[in-house]
């Protein structure tokens, strides 16, 4: 039971993170949201952090839930 719930949670979380990554990429690509280098760094940092969460932490958390 918890295996299915944790897998569904992980899948839904990754889907939401992917949606947010698309939004951030679009805002960064349009240039309207980026007024200076500080804004650019903010968007790039958010993209990097969310990508790391999706690629690394989601899998680790799912393993921890299933083991514990």
C-alpha atoms as a PDB file:
ATOM      1  CA  UNK A   1       0.000   0.000   0.000  1.00  0.00           C
ATOM      2  CA  UNK A   2       2.652   2.555   1.001  1.00  0.00           C
ATOM      3  CA  UNK A   3       4.723   1.576  -2.049  1.00  0.00           C
ATOM      4  CA  UNK A   4       1.890   2.636  -4.343  1.00  0.00           C
ATOM      5  CA  UNK A   5       1.260   5.832  -2.408  1.00  0.00           C
ATOM      6  CA  UNK A   6       4.910   6.834  -2.367  1.00  0.00           C
ATOM      7  CA  UNK A   7       5.288   6.080  -6.083  1.00  0.00           C
ATOM      8  CA  UNK A   8       2.188   8.096  -6.891  1.00  0.00           C
ATOM      9  CA  UNK A   9       3.421  10.934  -4.685  1.00  0.00           C
ATOM     10  CA  UNK A  10       6.819  10.905  -6.376  1.00  0.00           C
ATOM     11  CA  UNK A  11       5.218  10.881  -9.819  1.00  0.00           C
ATOM     12  CA  UNK A  12       2.900  13.753  -8.992  1.00  0.00           C
ATOM     13  CA  UNK A  13       5.701  15.765  -7.389  1.00  0.00           C
ATOM     14  CA  UNK A  14       7.939  15.289 -10.437  1.00  0.00           C
ATOM     15  CA  UNK A  15       5.076  16.318 -12.714  1.00  0.00           C
ATOM     16  CA  UNK A  16       4.515  19.529 -10.739  1.00  0.00           C
ATOM     17  CA  UNK A  17       8.236  20.279 -10.664  1.00  0.00           C
ATOM     18  CA  UNK A  18       8.400  19.774 -14.454  1.00  0.00           C
ATOM     19  CA  UNK A  19       5.512  22.206 -14.895  1.00  0.00           C
ATOM     20  CA  UNK A  20       7.294  24.797 -12.768  1.00  0.00           C
ATOM     21  CA  UNK A  21      10.551  24.247 -14.672  1.00  0.00           C
ATOM     22  CA  UNK A  22       8.732  24.883 -17.951  1.00  0.00           C
ATOM     23  CA  UNK A  23       7.253  28.094 -16.517  1.00  0.00           C
ATOM     24  CA  UNK A  24      10.656  29.297 -15.303  1.00  0.00           C
ATOM     25  CA  UNK A  25      12.305  28.479 -18.648  1.00  0.00           C
ATOM     26  CA  UNK A  26       9.575  30.377 -20.496  1.00  0.00           C
ATOM     27  CA  UNK A  27       9.934  33.434 -18.276  1.00  0.00           C
ATOM     28  CA  UNK A  28      13.699  33.351 -18.638  1.00  0.00           C
ATOM     29  CA  UNK A  29      13.449  32.874 -22.399  1.00  0.00           C
ATOM     30  CA  UNK A  30      11.020  35.741 -22.938  1.00  0.00           C
ATOM     31  CA  UNK A  31      13.321  38.162 -21.214  1.00  0.00           C
ATOM     32  CA  UNK A  32      10.533  40.353 -19.844  1.00  0.00           C
ATOM     33  CA  UNK A  33      10.954  39.020 -16.323  1.00  0.00           C
ATOM     34  CA  UNK A  34      14.717  39.489 -16.403  1.00  0.00           C
ATOM     35  CA  UNK A  35      15.587  43.109 -15.794  1.00  0.00           C
ATOM     36  CA  UNK A  36      19.187  42.688 -14.662  1.00  0.00           C
ATOM     37  CA  UNK A  37      21.885  40.134 -13.914  1.00  0.00           C
ATOM     38  CA  UNK A  38      20.458  39.560 -10.422  1.00  0.00           C
ATOM     39  CA  UNK A  39      17.107  38.465 -11.891  1.00  0.00           C
ATOM     40  CA  UNK A  40      18.910  36.190 -14.327  1.00  0.00           C
ATOM     41  CA  UNK A  41      20.868  34.557 -11.505  1.00  0.00           C
ATOM     42  CA  UNK A  42      17.641  34.097  -9.528  1.00  0.00           C
ATOM     43  CA  UNK A  43      15.913  32.250 -12.367  1.00  0.00           C
ATOM     44  CA  UNK A  44      18.953  30.120 -13.168  1.00  0.00           C
ATOM     45  CA  UNK A  45      19.334  29.257  -9.475  1.00  0.00           C
ATOM     46  CA  UNK A  46      15.678  28.268  -9.173  1.00  0.00           C
ATOM     47  CA  UNK A  47      15.938  26.088 -12.264  1.00  0.00           C
ATOM     48  CA  UNK A  48      19.087  24.399 -10.956  1.00  0.00           C
ATOM     49  CA  UNK A  49      17.565  23.793  -7.524  1.00  0.00           C
ATOM     50  CA  UNK A  50      14.306  22.377  -8.851  1.00  0.00           C
ATOM     51  CA  UNK A  51      16.166  20.142 -11.285  1.00  0.00           C
ATOM     52  CA  UNK A  52      18.274  18.784  -8.430  1.00  0.00           C
ATOM     53  CA  UNK A  53      15.179  18.155  -6.317  1.00  0.00           C
ATOM     54  CA  UNK A  54      13.527  16.307  -9.181  1.00  0.00           C
ATOM     55  CA  UNK A  55      16.551  14.258 -10.200  1.00  0.00           C
ATOM     56  CA  UNK A  56      18.170  13.486  -6.859  1.00  0.00           C
ATOM     57  CA  UNK A  57      15.981  14.048  -3.847  1.00  0.00           C
ATOM     58  CA  UNK A  58      12.725  12.554  -5.171  1.00  0.00           C
ATOM     59  CA  UNK A  59      14.414   9.201  -5.773  1.00  0.00           C
ATOM     60  CA  UNK A  60      16.213   9.266  -2.421  1.00  0.00           C
ATOM     61  CA  UNK A  61      13.048  10.103  -0.513  1.00  0.00           C
ATOM     62  CA  UNK A  62      11.098   7.373  -2.304  1.00  0.00           C
ATOM     63  CA  UNK A  63      13.780   4.824  -1.374  1.00  0.00           C
ATOM     64  CA  UNK A  64      13.786   5.988   2.253  1.00  0.00           C
ATOM     65  CA  UNK A  65      10.001   5.688   2.489  1.00  0.00           C
ATOM     66  CA  UNK A  66       9.990   2.201   1.004  1.00  0.00           C
ATOM     67  CA  UNK A  67      12.821   0.995   3.263  1.00  0.00           C
ATOM     68  CA  UNK A  68      11.474   2.483   6.480  1.00  0.00           C
END
